[in-house]
Amino acid sequence: MNRTIEYLEEKNMFLEKFLGLNREWLDRLTKGDFAELENFRESRENILNIVKHLDALIETHSNKIEPTSVDGGMKTRINSLLERKDTLVRVILSQDLEIMELVENAKSQIIRELTQVQRGRKTIASYKSSTRKETVDEEA
């Protein structure tokens, strides 16, 4: 049972790292810094893979434990760890929504700018095609 509790603590630690990473990137994205966004995604993915592995270990170890063998203190500790996990997950989901909104807004802004550039090019192209080249008669 102690091993399961250790895995729950470790899982919460990684969720806290995930939360910190999100907080750092929320600050960056709010300032318009989208450089190295792929590294951010990869870091998140790595943490999520670790959490997934810990979930599998928790499940394996908890399936081996008889519920009657768990004393009140351990139940209290486990409930506390699970409540902490739930709180972390709610905050992470909230952060993820903010991150997605910032990325979506930046993407929309880029699309608007590209559309304006394209319109400008079409305007310039139509102007160029309507002007005629004048030839100079050098013999005159």
N, C-alpha and C. Protein backbone atom coordinates (compact mmCIF):
# COMPACT_ATOMS: atom_id res chain seq x y z
N MET A 1 0.82 -1.19 0.00
CA MET A 1 0.00 0.00 0.00
C MET A 1 0.86 1.25 0.00
N ASN A 2 1.97 1.18 0.70
CA ASN A 2 2.86 2.34 0.74
C ASN A 2 3.38 2.69 -0.65
N ARG A 3 3.62 1.68 -1.45
CA ARG A 3 4.12 1.92 -2.81
C ARG A 3 3.06 2.65 -3.64
N THR A 4 1.81 2.28 -3.49
CA THR A 4 0.72 2.94 -4.21
C THR A 4 0.65 4.41 -3.81
N ILE A 5 0.79 4.67 -2.53
CA ILE A 5 0.78 6.05 -2.04
C ILE A 5 1.95 6.83 -2.63
N GLU A 6 3.11 6.19 -2.69
CA GLU A 6 4.28 6.85 -3.30
C GLU A 6 4.02 7.19 -4.76
N TYR A 7 3.37 6.28 -5.49
CA TYR A 7 3.05 6.54 -6.89
C TYR A 7 2.04 7.69 -7.01
N LEU A 8 1.06 7.74 -6.12
CA LEU A 8 0.09 8.84 -6.13
C LEU A 8 0.79 10.18 -5.86
N GLU A 9 1.73 10.19 -4.92
CA GLU A 9 2.49 11.40 -4.62
C GLU A 9 3.32 11.82 -5.82
N GLU A 10 3.96 10.84 -6.45
CA GLU A 10 4.78 11.13 -7.63
C GLU A 10 3.92 11.66 -8.78
N LYS A 11 2.75 11.07 -8.95
CA LYS A 11 1.84 11.53 -10.00
C LYS A 11 1.46 12.99 -9.76
N ASN A 12 1.12 13.34 -8.53
CA ASN A 12 0.78 14.72 -8.21
C ASN A 12 1.96 15.65 -8.44
N MET A 13 3.16 15.17 -8.15
CA MET A 13 4.36 15.99 -8.40
C MET A 13 4.48 16.31 -9.89
N PHE A 14 4.25 15.31 -10.75
CA PHE A 14 4.34 15.55 -12.19
C PHE A 14 3.19 16.43 -12.68
N LEU A 15 2.03 16.30 -12.09
CA LEU A 15 0.93 17.20 -12.45
C LEU A 15 1.26 18.63 -12.05
N GLU A 16 1.96 18.80 -10.93
CA GLU A 16 2.39 20.14 -10.52
C GLU A 16 3.42 20.70 -11.49
N LYS A 17 4.32 19.84 -11.98
CA LYS A 17 5.28 20.28 -13.00
C LYS A 17 4.55 20.71 -14.27
N PHE A 18 3.55 19.94 -14.65
CA PHE A 18 2.74 20.26 -15.82
C PHE A 18 2.07 21.61 -15.63
N LEU A 19 1.51 21.82 -14.46
CA LEU A 19 0.86 23.08 -14.11
C LEU A 19 1.85 24.24 -14.21
N GLY A 20 3.05 24.04 -13.68
CA GLY A 20 4.08 25.08 -13.74
C GLY A 20 4.50 25.39 -15.18
N LEU A 21 4.64 24.35 -15.97
CA LEU A 21 5.00 24.52 -17.38
C LEU A 21 3.92 25.31 -18.10
N ASN A 22 2.66 24.95 -17.85
CA ASN A 22 1.55 25.70 -18.46
C ASN A 22 1.58 27.16 -18.02
N ARG A 23 1.81 27.39 -16.73
CA ARG A 23 1.82 28.77 -16.22
C ARG A 23 2.93 29.58 -16.91
N GLU A 24 4.10 28.97 -17.04
CA GLU A 24 5.22 29.65 -17.71
C GLU A 24 4.85 30.00 -19.15
N TRP A 25 4.24 29.06 -19.85
CA TRP A 25 3.90 29.29 -21.25
C TRP A 25 2.71 30.22 -21.41
N LEU A 26 1.81 30.22 -20.46
CA LEU A 26 0.72 31.20 -20.51
C LEU A 26 1.29 32.61 -20.46
N ASP A 27 2.29 32.82 -19.60
CA ASP A 27 2.94 34.13 -19.52
C ASP A 27 3.59 34.48 -20.85
N ARG A 28 4.31 33.52 -21.43
CA ARG A 28 4.98 33.77 -22.71
C ARG A 28 3.99 34.06 -23.83
N LEU A 29 2.95 33.23 -23.91
CA LEU A 29 1.97 33.39 -24.99
C LEU A 29 1.19 34.68 -24.84
N THR A 30 0.91 35.08 -23.62
CA THR A 30 0.21 36.33 -23.38
C THR A 30 1.03 37.51 -23.89
N LYS A 31 2.35 37.38 -23.82
CA LYS A 31 3.25 38.43 -24.32
C LYS A 31 3.49 38.31 -25.82
N GLY A 32 2.88 37.31 -26.45
CA GLY A 32 3.02 37.14 -27.90
C GLY A 32 4.24 36.33 -28.30
N ASP A 33 4.87 35.66 -27.35
CA ASP A 33 6.06 34.85 -27.64
C ASP A 33 5.63 33.43 -27.96
N PHE A 34 5.62 33.12 -29.26
CA PHE A 34 5.22 31.80 -29.71
C PHE A 34 6.42 30.98 -30.19
N ALA A 35 7.62 31.48 -29.93
CA ALA A 35 8.83 30.75 -30.33
C ALA A 35 8.94 29.48 -29.49
N GLU A 36 9.41 28.44 -30.09
CA GLU A 36 9.64 27.15 -29.44
C GLU A 36 8.35 26.51 -28.91
N LEU A 37 7.25 26.78 -29.57
CA LEU A 37 5.97 26.20 -29.17
C LEU A 37 5.99 24.68 -29.29
N GLU A 38 6.75 24.18 -30.25
CA GLU A 38 6.86 22.72 -30.42
C GLU A 38 7.57 22.09 -29.21
N ASN A 39 8.57 22.77 -28.66
CA ASN A 39 9.25 22.26 -27.46
C ASN A 39 8.28 22.19 -26.29
N PHE A 40 7.42 23.19 -26.19
CA PHE A 40 6.39 23.21 -25.14
C PHE A 40 5.48 21.99 -25.28
N ARG A 41 5.03 21.74 -26.49
CA ARG A 41 4.15 20.60 -26.75
C ARG A 41 4.83 19.29 -26.39
N GLU A 42 6.11 19.17 -26.76
CA GLU A 42 6.86 17.95 -26.47
C GLU A 42 7.07 17.76 -24.97
N SER A 43 7.35 18.84 -24.27
CA SER A 43 7.53 18.76 -22.81
C SER A 43 6.23 18.29 -22.14
N ARG A 44 5.13 18.85 -22.59
CA ARG A 44 3.84 18.43 -22.05
C ARG A 44 3.59 16.96 -22.33
N GLU A 45 3.88 16.55 -23.54
CA GLU A 45 3.67 15.16 -23.94
C GLU A 45 4.52 14.22 -23.08
N ASN A 46 5.76 14.60 -22.81
CA ASN A 46 6.64 13.78 -21.97
C ASN A 46 6.08 13.63 -20.56
N ILE A 47 5.61 14.72 -19.99
CA ILE A 47 5.03 14.66 -18.65
C ILE A 47 3.77 13.79 -18.65
N LEU A 48 2.94 13.96 -19.67
CA LEU A 48 1.72 13.15 -19.74
C LEU A 48 2.03 11.66 -19.88
N ASN A 49 3.09 11.33 -20.60
CA ASN A 49 3.49 9.92 -20.72
C ASN A 49 3.93 9.36 -19.37
N ILE A 50 4.64 10.16 -18.59
CA ILE A 50 5.06 9.73 -17.26
C ILE A 50 3.83 9.52 -16.38
N VAL A 51 2.89 10.46 -16.43
CA VAL A 51 1.66 10.35 -15.63
C VAL A 51 0.88 9.09 -16.04
N LYS A 52 0.82 8.83 -17.32
CA LYS A 52 0.12 7.64 -17.81
C LYS A 52 0.79 6.37 -17.27
N HIS A 53 2.11 6.36 -17.28
CA HIS A 53 2.86 5.21 -16.75
C HIS A 53 2.58 5.04 -15.24
N LEU A 54 2.58 6.15 -14.51
CA LEU A 54 2.30 6.09 -13.08
C LEU A 54 0.87 5.59 -12.83
N ASP A 55 -0.07 6.01 -13.66
CA ASP A 55 -1.45 5.51 -13.53
C ASP A 55 -1.49 3.99 -13.66
N ALA A 56 -0.73 3.47 -14.61
CA ALA A 56 -0.70 2.01 -14.80
C ALA A 56 -0.10 1.32 -13.57
N LEU A 57 0.97 1.91 -13.02
CA LEU A 57 1.58 1.33 -11.82
C LEU A 57 0.63 1.39 -10.63
N ILE A 58 -0.07 2.52 -10.50
CA ILE A 58 -1.04 2.67 -9.39
C ILE A 58 -2.13 1.61 -9.51
N GLU A 59 -2.63 1.44 -10.71
CA GLU A 59 -3.69 0.45 -10.92
C GLU A 59 -3.19 -0.95 -10.60
N THR A 60 -2.01 -1.30 -11.08
CA THR A 60 -1.45 -2.63 -10.83
C THR A 60 -1.29 -2.88 -9.33
N HIS A 61 -0.71 -1.91 -8.63
CA HIS A 61 -0.47 -2.09 -7.20
C HIS A 61 -1.76 -2.07 -6.39
N SER A 62 -2.69 -1.23 -6.76
CA SER A 62 -3.94 -1.13 -5.98
C SER A 62 -4.82 -2.36 -6.18
N ASN A 63 -4.70 -3.02 -7.34
CA ASN A 63 -5.48 -4.24 -7.57
C ASN A 63 -5.01 -5.39 -6.69
N LYS A 64 -3.78 -5.34 -6.24
CA LYS A 64 -3.22 -6.40 -5.40
C LYS A 64 -3.59 -6.23 -3.92
N ILE A 65 -4.17 -5.09 -3.58
CA ILE A 65 -4.42 -4.77 -2.18
C ILE A 65 -5.87 -5.12 -1.82
N GLU A 66 -6.01 -5.77 -0.68
CA GLU A 66 -7.34 -6.05 -0.14
C GLU A 66 -7.86 -4.80 0.56
N PRO A 67 -9.05 -4.34 0.21
CA PRO A 67 -9.59 -3.12 0.83
C PRO A 67 -9.65 -3.19 2.35
N THR A 68 -9.85 -4.37 2.89
CA THR A 68 -9.94 -4.51 4.34
C THR A 68 -8.59 -4.33 5.03
N SER A 69 -7.50 -4.44 4.25
CA SER A 69 -6.17 -4.32 4.85
C SER A 69 -5.69 -2.87 4.94
N VAL A 70 -6.48 -1.93 4.42
CA VAL A 70 -6.09 -0.52 4.41
C VAL A 70 -6.65 0.14 5.67
N ASP A 71 -5.76 0.69 6.49
CA ASP A 71 -6.23 1.33 7.73
C ASP A 71 -6.76 2.75 7.45
N GLY A 72 -7.36 3.33 8.44
CA GLY A 72 -7.99 4.64 8.31
C GLY A 72 -7.02 5.74 7.93
N GLY A 73 -5.83 5.71 8.49
CA GLY A 73 -4.82 6.72 8.17
C GLY A 73 -4.42 6.68 6.70
N MET A 74 -4.26 5.48 6.18
CA MET A 74 -3.90 5.33 4.77
C MET A 74 -5.05 5.79 3.87
N LYS A 75 -6.28 5.45 4.26
CA LYS A 75 -7.44 5.89 3.47
C LYS A 75 -7.51 7.41 3.43
N THR A 76 -7.25 8.04 4.57
CA THR A 76 -7.26 9.50 4.64
C THR A 76 -6.19 10.08 3.73
N ARG A 77 -5.01 9.49 3.79
CA ARG A 77 -3.89 9.96 2.95
C ARG A 77 -4.21 9.79 1.46
N ILE A 78 -4.76 8.66 1.10
CA ILE A 78 -5.11 8.40 -0.30
C ILE A 78 -6.19 9.38 -0.76
N ASN A 79 -7.21 9.59 0.05
CA ASN A 79 -8.26 10.55 -0.31
C ASN A 79 -7.69 11.95 -0.48
N SER A 80 -6.77 12.32 0.38
CA SER A 80 -6.13 13.63 0.28
C SER A 80 -5.35 13.76 -1.02
N LEU A 81 -4.61 12.72 -1.38
CA LEU A 81 -3.84 12.73 -2.63
C LEU A 81 -4.76 12.77 -3.84
N LEU A 82 -5.86 12.05 -3.79
CA LEU A 82 -6.80 12.04 -4.91
C LEU A 82 -7.51 13.39 -5.05
N GLU A 83 -7.83 14.03 -3.92
CA GLU A 83 -8.44 15.36 -3.98
C GLU A 83 -7.45 16.37 -4.56
N ARG A 84 -6.19 16.25 -4.17
CA ARG A 84 -5.15 17.15 -4.71
C ARG A 84 -5.03 16.94 -6.22
N LYS A 85 -5.05 15.68 -6.65
CA LYS A 85 -4.98 15.37 -8.09
C LYS A 85 -6.15 16.01 -8.82
N ASP A 86 -7.35 15.88 -8.28
CA ASP A 86 -8.54 16.46 -8.92
C ASP A 86 -8.40 17.98 -9.05
N THR A 87 -7.90 18.61 -8.01
CA THR A 87 -7.70 20.07 -8.04
C THR A 87 -6.69 20.45 -9.11
N LEU A 88 -5.58 19.72 -9.17
CA LEU A 88 -4.56 19.99 -10.18
C LEU A 88 -5.12 19.83 -11.59
N VAL A 89 -5.88 18.77 -11.79
CA VAL A 89 -6.43 18.51 -13.12
C VAL A 89 -7.40 19.62 -13.54
N ARG A 90 -8.23 20.09 -12.60
CA ARG A 90 -9.15 21.19 -12.92
C ARG A 90 -8.39 22.45 -13.32
N VAL A 91 -7.33 22.78 -12.59
CA VAL A 91 -6.54 23.97 -12.91
C VAL A 91 -5.84 23.80 -14.25
N ILE A 92 -5.31 22.62 -14.50
CA ILE A 92 -4.64 22.34 -15.78
C ILE A 92 -5.62 22.49 -16.94
N LEU A 93 -6.82 21.96 -16.78
CA LEU A 93 -7.82 22.09 -17.84
C LEU A 93 -8.15 23.55 -18.10
N SER A 94 -8.26 24.33 -17.05
CA SER A 94 -8.52 25.76 -17.20
C SER A 94 -7.37 26.44 -17.95
N GLN A 95 -6.15 26.09 -17.58
CA GLN A 95 -4.98 26.65 -18.27
C GLN A 95 -4.97 26.25 -19.74
N ASP A 96 -5.28 24.99 -19.99
CA ASP A 96 -5.28 24.51 -21.38
C ASP A 96 -6.28 25.28 -22.23
N LEU A 97 -7.43 25.60 -21.65
CA LEU A 97 -8.41 26.40 -22.39
C LEU A 97 -7.86 27.79 -22.71
N GLU A 98 -7.16 28.39 -21.75
CA GLU A 98 -6.55 29.70 -21.99
C GLU A 98 -5.47 29.60 -23.07
N ILE A 99 -4.65 28.56 -23.00
CA ILE A 99 -3.59 28.38 -23.99
C ILE A 99 -4.19 28.20 -25.38
N MET A 100 -5.22 27.37 -25.47
CA MET A 100 -5.86 27.14 -26.77
C MET A 100 -6.45 28.43 -27.31
N GLU A 101 -7.02 29.24 -26.45
CA GLU A 101 -7.60 30.51 -26.89
C GLU A 101 -6.51 31.45 -27.40
N LEU A 102 -5.39 31.53 -26.70
CA LEU A 102 -4.29 32.40 -27.13
C LEU A 102 -3.72 31.94 -28.47
N VAL A 103 -3.55 30.65 -28.63
CA VAL A 103 -3.01 30.11 -29.89
C VAL A 103 -4.01 30.34 -31.02
N GLU A 104 -5.28 30.12 -30.75
CA GLU A 104 -6.32 30.32 -31.76
C GLU A 104 -6.41 31.79 -32.18
N ASN A 105 -6.31 32.69 -31.22
CA ASN A 105 -6.34 34.13 -31.55
C ASN A 105 -5.13 34.51 -32.40
N ALA A 106 -3.96 33.98 -32.06
CA ALA A 106 -2.76 34.28 -32.84
C ALA A 106 -2.90 33.72 -34.25
N LYS A 107 -3.45 32.53 -34.36
CA LYS A 107 -3.65 31.91 -35.67
C LYS A 107 -4.63 32.75 -36.50
N SER A 108 -5.69 33.21 -35.89
CA SER A 108 -6.67 34.04 -36.60
C SER A 108 -6.03 35.35 -37.06
N GLN A 109 -5.20 35.92 -36.22
CA GLN A 109 -4.50 37.17 -36.58
C GLN A 109 -3.58 36.94 -37.79
N ILE A 110 -2.87 35.84 -37.78
CA ILE A 110 -1.98 35.52 -38.91
C ILE A 110 -2.79 35.33 -40.18
N ILE A 111 -3.92 34.66 -40.09
CA ILE A 111 -4.77 34.45 -41.28
C ILE A 111 -5.27 35.79 -41.80
N ARG A 112 -5.69 36.68 -40.89
CA ARG A 112 -6.15 38.02 -41.33
C ARG A 112 -5.02 38.77 -42.04
N GLU A 113 -3.82 38.71 -41.46
CA GLU A 113 -2.68 39.41 -42.07
C GLU A 113 -2.34 38.82 -43.43
N LEU A 114 -2.37 37.51 -43.55
CA LEU A 114 -2.08 36.88 -44.85
C LEU A 114 -3.14 37.25 -45.88
N THR A 115 -4.39 37.34 -45.46
CA THR A 115 -5.47 37.74 -46.36
C THR A 115 -5.25 39.16 -46.85
N GLN A 116 -4.84 40.06 -45.96
CA GLN A 116 -4.56 41.45 -46.34
C GLN A 116 -3.39 41.53 -47.31
N VAL A 117 -2.35 40.74 -47.05
CA VAL A 117 -1.19 40.73 -47.96
C VAL A 117 -1.62 40.22 -49.33
N GLN A 118 -2.43 39.18 -49.33
CA GLN A 118 -2.89 38.62 -50.61
C GLN A 118 -3.73 39.65 -51.37
N ARG A 119 -4.59 40.36 -50.69
CA ARG A 119 -5.39 41.40 -51.35
C ARG A 119 -4.50 42.51 -51.89
N GLY A 120 -3.49 42.86 -51.12
CA GLY A 120 -2.55 43.89 -51.57
C GLY A 120 -1.82 43.45 -52.82
N ARG A 121 -1.42 42.20 -52.87
CA ARG A 121 -0.73 41.69 -54.06
C ARG A 121 -1.65 41.69 -55.27
N LYS A 122 -2.91 41.32 -55.06
CA LYS A 122 -3.87 41.31 -56.18
C LYS A 122 -4.09 42.73 -56.67
N THR A 123 -4.17 43.67 -55.76
CA THR A 123 -4.35 45.07 -56.15
C THR A 123 -3.16 45.56 -56.95
N ILE A 124 -1.98 45.27 -56.49
CA ILE A 124 -0.76 45.68 -57.19
C ILE A 124 -0.68 44.99 -58.55
N ALA A 125 -1.01 43.71 -58.59
CA ALA A 125 -0.97 42.97 -59.86
C ALA A 125 -1.97 43.53 -60.86
N SER A 126 -3.15 43.89 -60.39
CA SER A 126 -4.15 44.46 -61.32
C SER A 126 -3.72 45.84 -61.78
N TYR A 127 -3.05 46.59 -60.95
CA TYR A 127 -2.55 47.91 -61.33
C TYR A 127 -1.47 47.77 -62.39
N LYS A 128 -0.56 46.82 -62.17
CA LYS A 128 0.53 46.62 -63.13
C LYS A 128 0.00 46.14 -64.46
N SER A 129 -0.99 45.30 -64.47
CA SER A 129 -1.48 44.77 -65.74
C SER A 129 -2.30 45.80 -66.51
N SER A 130 -2.80 46.81 -65.84
CA SER A 130 -3.59 47.80 -66.56
C SER A 130 -2.74 48.95 -67.10
N THR A 131 -1.52 49.10 -66.65
CA THR A 131 -0.66 50.17 -67.18
C THR A 131 0.04 49.66 -68.42
N ARG A 132 0.23 50.58 -69.35
CA ARG A 132 0.87 50.18 -70.61
C ARG A 132 2.29 50.70 -70.64
N LYS A 133 3.11 49.91 -71.26
CA LYS A 133 4.49 50.37 -71.45
C LYS A 133 4.50 51.35 -72.60
N GLU A 134 5.10 52.45 -72.32
CA GLU A 134 5.22 53.43 -73.41
C GLU A 134 6.58 53.25 -74.06
N THR A 135 6.55 53.25 -75.33
CA THR A 135 7.82 53.12 -76.05
C THR A 135 8.33 54.49 -76.41
N VAL A 136 9.59 54.64 -76.35
CA VAL A 136 10.21 55.92 -76.69
C VAL A 136 10.77 55.80 -78.10
N ASP A 137 10.39 56.75 -78.92
CA ASP A 137 10.88 56.78 -80.28
C ASP A 137 12.17 57.60 -80.28
N GLU A 138 13.28 56.89 -80.39
CA GLU A 138 14.57 57.55 -80.32
C GLU A 138 14.91 58.30 -81.59
N GLU A 139 14.25 58.00 -82.69
CA GLU A 139 14.58 58.64 -83.95
C GLU A 139 13.86 59.97 -84.12
N ALA A 140 12.94 60.23 -83.30
CA ALA A 140 12.16 61.45 -83.49
C ALA A 140 12.89 62.66 -83.24
